[in-house]
Amino acid sequence: MTERVTGKQAFVGLSQYMRNRPDFGLGKATRDAVLDPANPFDPKAARPPRRWFVLFSLLAAMVFGLVFYFNKLL
């Protein structure tokens, strides 16, 4: 009969598996969505942010600044 695996053992095994696989994970997915594609010939090269992310960030900062500024005046 097979041995039952506890929740803690399953968590440790899954965590170890994810640490050994740097190509998986939420951080990698986020970086791939926000940054330009990586250069396969120079993996250490800097990856600039995508244009849509920069535009969205500037617009969000502008809206936040305007709301903050005009609410201080009221």
N, C-alpha and C. Protein backbone atom coordinates (compact mmCIF):
# COMPACT_ATOMS: atom_id res chain seq x y z
N MET A 1 0.84 -1.17 0.00
CA MET A 1 0.00 0.00 0.00
C MET A 1 0.89 1.24 0.00
N THR A 2 0.48 2.27 -0.73
CA THR A 2 1.29 3.48 -0.81
C THR A 2 1.13 4.31 0.45
N GLU A 3 2.16 5.04 0.74
CA GLU A 3 2.18 5.88 1.94
C GLU A 3 1.47 7.20 1.64
N ARG A 4 0.69 7.68 2.58
CA ARG A 4 -0.03 8.94 2.42
C ARG A 4 0.93 10.11 2.61
N VAL A 5 0.71 11.15 1.83
CA VAL A 5 1.53 12.36 1.91
C VAL A 5 0.74 13.41 2.68
N THR A 6 1.41 14.02 3.65
CA THR A 6 0.75 15.08 4.42
C THR A 6 0.79 16.39 3.63
N GLY A 7 0.03 17.34 4.09
CA GLY A 7 0.00 18.63 3.43
C GLY A 7 1.35 19.33 3.47
N LYS A 8 2.04 19.24 4.60
CA LYS A 8 3.35 19.88 4.75
C LYS A 8 4.37 19.24 3.80
N GLN A 9 4.35 17.92 3.67
CA GLN A 9 5.27 17.25 2.76
C GLN A 9 4.99 17.65 1.31
N ALA A 10 3.72 17.76 0.96
CA ALA A 10 3.36 18.16 -0.40
C ALA A 10 3.81 19.59 -0.66
N PHE A 11 3.64 20.48 0.31
CA PHE A 11 4.05 21.86 0.16
C PHE A 11 5.57 21.97 0.01
N VAL A 12 6.32 21.24 0.82
CA VAL A 12 7.78 21.26 0.73
C VAL A 12 8.23 20.72 -0.63
N GLY A 13 7.62 19.64 -1.08
CA GLY A 13 7.98 19.08 -2.38
C GLY A 13 7.67 20.02 -3.53
N LEU A 14 6.50 20.65 -3.49
CA LEU A 14 6.13 21.60 -4.54
C LEU A 14 7.03 22.83 -4.51
N SER A 15 7.34 23.33 -3.32
CA SER A 15 8.23 24.49 -3.21
C SER A 15 9.61 24.18 -3.76
N GLN A 16 10.11 23.02 -3.44
CA GLN A 16 11.43 22.62 -3.93
C GLN A 16 11.41 22.47 -5.45
N TYR A 17 10.34 21.91 -5.99
CA TYR A 17 10.21 21.76 -7.43
C TYR A 17 10.19 23.13 -8.12
N MET A 18 9.45 24.08 -7.55
CA MET A 18 9.36 25.41 -8.15
C MET A 18 10.69 26.16 -8.06
N ARG A 19 11.44 25.97 -6.97
CA ARG A 19 12.76 26.61 -6.86
C ARG A 19 13.73 26.06 -7.88
N ASN A 20 13.60 24.79 -8.23
CA ASN A 20 14.49 24.17 -9.20
C ASN A 20 14.10 24.51 -10.64
N ARG A 21 12.94 25.10 -10.85
CA ARG A 21 12.46 25.45 -12.19
C ARG A 21 12.31 26.97 -12.29
N PRO A 22 13.36 27.71 -12.64
CA PRO A 22 13.25 29.16 -12.71
C PRO A 22 12.39 29.66 -13.88
N ASP A 23 12.03 28.77 -14.80
CA ASP A 23 11.21 29.19 -15.93
C ASP A 23 9.72 29.20 -15.59
N PHE A 24 9.33 28.81 -14.38
CA PHE A 24 7.95 28.85 -13.92
C PHE A 24 7.81 29.93 -12.85
N GLY A 25 6.60 30.32 -12.60
CA GLY A 25 6.34 31.18 -11.45
C GLY A 25 5.65 32.48 -11.80
N LEU A 26 5.05 33.07 -10.79
CA LEU A 26 4.32 34.32 -10.94
C LEU A 26 5.27 35.47 -11.25
N GLY A 27 6.44 35.49 -10.61
CA GLY A 27 7.40 36.57 -10.88
C GLY A 27 7.87 36.57 -12.32
N LYS A 28 8.15 35.41 -12.86
CA LYS A 28 8.59 35.31 -14.26
C LYS A 28 7.46 35.73 -15.19
N ALA A 29 6.25 35.31 -14.91
CA ALA A 29 5.11 35.69 -15.75
C ALA A 29 4.89 37.19 -15.73
N THR A 30 5.04 37.81 -14.56
CA THR A 30 4.89 39.25 -14.44
C THR A 30 5.98 39.98 -15.20
N ARG A 31 7.22 39.53 -15.04
CA ARG A 31 8.33 40.16 -15.77
C ARG A 31 8.14 40.03 -17.27
N ASP A 32 7.69 38.87 -17.72
CA ASP A 32 7.48 38.68 -19.16
C ASP A 32 6.35 39.55 -19.69
N ALA A 33 5.34 39.83 -18.88
CA ALA A 33 4.23 40.65 -19.32
C ALA A 33 4.59 42.13 -19.35
N VAL A 34 5.43 42.58 -18.43
CA VAL A 34 5.73 44.00 -18.28
C VAL A 34 6.98 44.42 -19.04
N LEU A 35 7.96 43.54 -19.17
CA LEU A 35 9.21 43.88 -19.82
C LEU A 35 9.27 43.33 -21.24
N ASP A 36 10.11 43.97 -22.07
CA ASP A 36 10.33 43.47 -23.42
C ASP A 36 10.91 42.07 -23.37
N PRO A 37 10.76 41.30 -24.46
CA PRO A 37 11.29 39.93 -24.46
C PRO A 37 12.80 39.90 -24.21
N ALA A 38 13.24 38.85 -23.56
CA ALA A 38 14.66 38.71 -23.24
C ALA A 38 15.45 38.40 -24.51
N ASN A 39 16.69 38.86 -24.53
CA ASN A 39 17.60 38.58 -25.64
C ASN A 39 18.17 37.18 -25.43
N PRO A 40 17.91 36.24 -26.35
CA PRO A 40 18.41 34.87 -26.14
C PRO A 40 19.93 34.76 -26.23
N PHE A 41 20.58 35.75 -26.86
CA PHE A 41 22.03 35.70 -27.01
C PHE A 41 22.76 36.37 -25.86
N ASP A 42 22.04 37.21 -25.10
CA ASP A 42 22.63 37.88 -23.94
C ASP A 42 21.60 37.90 -22.81
N PRO A 43 21.49 36.81 -22.05
CA PRO A 43 20.45 36.74 -21.02
C PRO A 43 20.63 37.73 -19.88
N LYS A 44 21.83 38.29 -19.71
CA LYS A 44 22.07 39.24 -18.63
C LYS A 44 21.77 40.68 -19.04
N ALA A 45 21.42 40.91 -20.29
CA ALA A 45 21.15 42.26 -20.78
C ALA A 45 19.89 42.82 -20.11
N ALA A 46 19.89 44.13 -19.91
CA ALA A 46 18.74 44.80 -19.29
C ALA A 46 17.53 44.71 -20.22
N ARG A 47 16.37 44.53 -19.62
CA ARG A 47 15.13 44.45 -20.38
C ARG A 47 14.31 45.70 -20.11
N PRO A 48 14.17 46.58 -21.11
CA PRO A 48 13.38 47.80 -20.88
C PRO A 48 11.90 47.48 -20.75
N PRO A 49 11.15 48.34 -20.07
CA PRO A 49 9.71 48.09 -19.92
C PRO A 49 8.99 48.29 -21.26
N ARG A 50 7.86 47.63 -21.41
CA ARG A 50 7.07 47.78 -22.62
C ARG A 50 6.43 49.15 -22.65
N ARG A 51 6.15 49.65 -23.85
CA ARG A 51 5.60 51.00 -24.00
C ARG A 51 4.24 51.14 -23.34
N TRP A 52 3.38 50.13 -23.47
CA TRP A 52 2.05 50.24 -22.89
C TRP A 52 2.13 50.32 -21.37
N PHE A 53 3.10 49.63 -20.77
CA PHE A 53 3.23 49.67 -19.31
C PHE A 53 3.70 51.04 -18.85
N VAL A 54 4.63 51.64 -19.59
CA VAL A 54 5.12 52.98 -19.23
C VAL A 54 3.98 53.98 -19.36
N LEU A 55 3.22 53.91 -20.45
CA LEU A 55 2.10 54.83 -20.65
C LEU A 55 1.06 54.66 -19.54
N PHE A 56 0.70 53.42 -19.23
CA PHE A 56 -0.28 53.16 -18.18
C PHE A 56 0.23 53.67 -16.83
N SER A 57 1.50 53.48 -16.53
CA SER A 57 2.07 53.94 -15.26
C SER A 57 2.04 55.47 -15.16
N LEU A 58 2.39 56.15 -16.25
CA LEU A 58 2.36 57.61 -16.25
C LEU A 58 0.93 58.15 -16.10
N LEU A 59 0.00 57.52 -16.81
CA LEU A 59 -1.39 57.96 -16.69
C LEU A 59 -1.94 57.70 -15.28
N ALA A 60 -1.62 56.58 -14.70
CA ALA A 60 -2.08 56.28 -13.34
C ALA A 60 -1.47 57.26 -12.34
N ALA A 61 -0.19 57.57 -12.51
CA ALA A 61 0.45 58.53 -11.61
C ALA A 61 -0.16 59.93 -11.78
N MET A 62 -0.47 60.29 -13.01
CA MET A 62 -1.07 61.60 -13.26
C MET A 62 -2.47 61.68 -12.63
N VAL A 63 -3.27 60.64 -12.80
CA VAL A 63 -4.61 60.64 -12.20
C VAL A 63 -4.51 60.68 -10.68
N PHE A 64 -3.62 59.89 -10.11
CA PHE A 64 -3.43 59.90 -8.66
C PHE A 64 -2.99 61.29 -8.19
N GLY A 65 -2.05 61.90 -8.90
CA GLY A 65 -1.58 63.24 -8.53
C GLY A 65 -2.68 64.28 -8.62
N LEU A 66 -3.48 64.22 -9.68
CA LEU A 66 -4.58 65.18 -9.82
C LEU A 66 -5.63 65.00 -8.72
N VAL A 67 -5.99 63.77 -8.43
CA VAL A 67 -6.96 63.53 -7.37
C VAL A 67 -6.42 64.01 -6.03
N PHE A 68 -5.18 63.71 -5.75
CA PHE A 68 -4.57 64.15 -4.49
C PHE A 68 -4.50 65.67 -4.42
N TYR A 69 -4.09 66.31 -5.51
CA TYR A 69 -3.95 67.77 -5.53
C TYR A 69 -5.29 68.46 -5.33
N PHE A 70 -6.30 68.03 -6.08
CA PHE A 70 -7.58 68.71 -5.99
C PHE A 70 -8.35 68.38 -4.71
N ASN A 71 -8.09 67.24 -4.11
CA ASN A 71 -8.74 66.96 -2.84
C ASN A 71 -8.11 67.73 -1.70
N LYS A 72 -6.87 68.11 -1.82
CA LYS A 72 -6.23 68.95 -0.81
C LYS A 72 -6.81 70.36 -0.84
N LEU A 73 -7.26 70.83 -2.01
CA LEU A 73 -7.80 72.17 -2.11
C LEU A 73 -9.21 72.27 -1.55
N LEU A 74 -9.96 71.19 -1.52
CA LEU A 74 -11.35 71.26 -1.04
C LEU A 74 -11.45 71.37 0.42
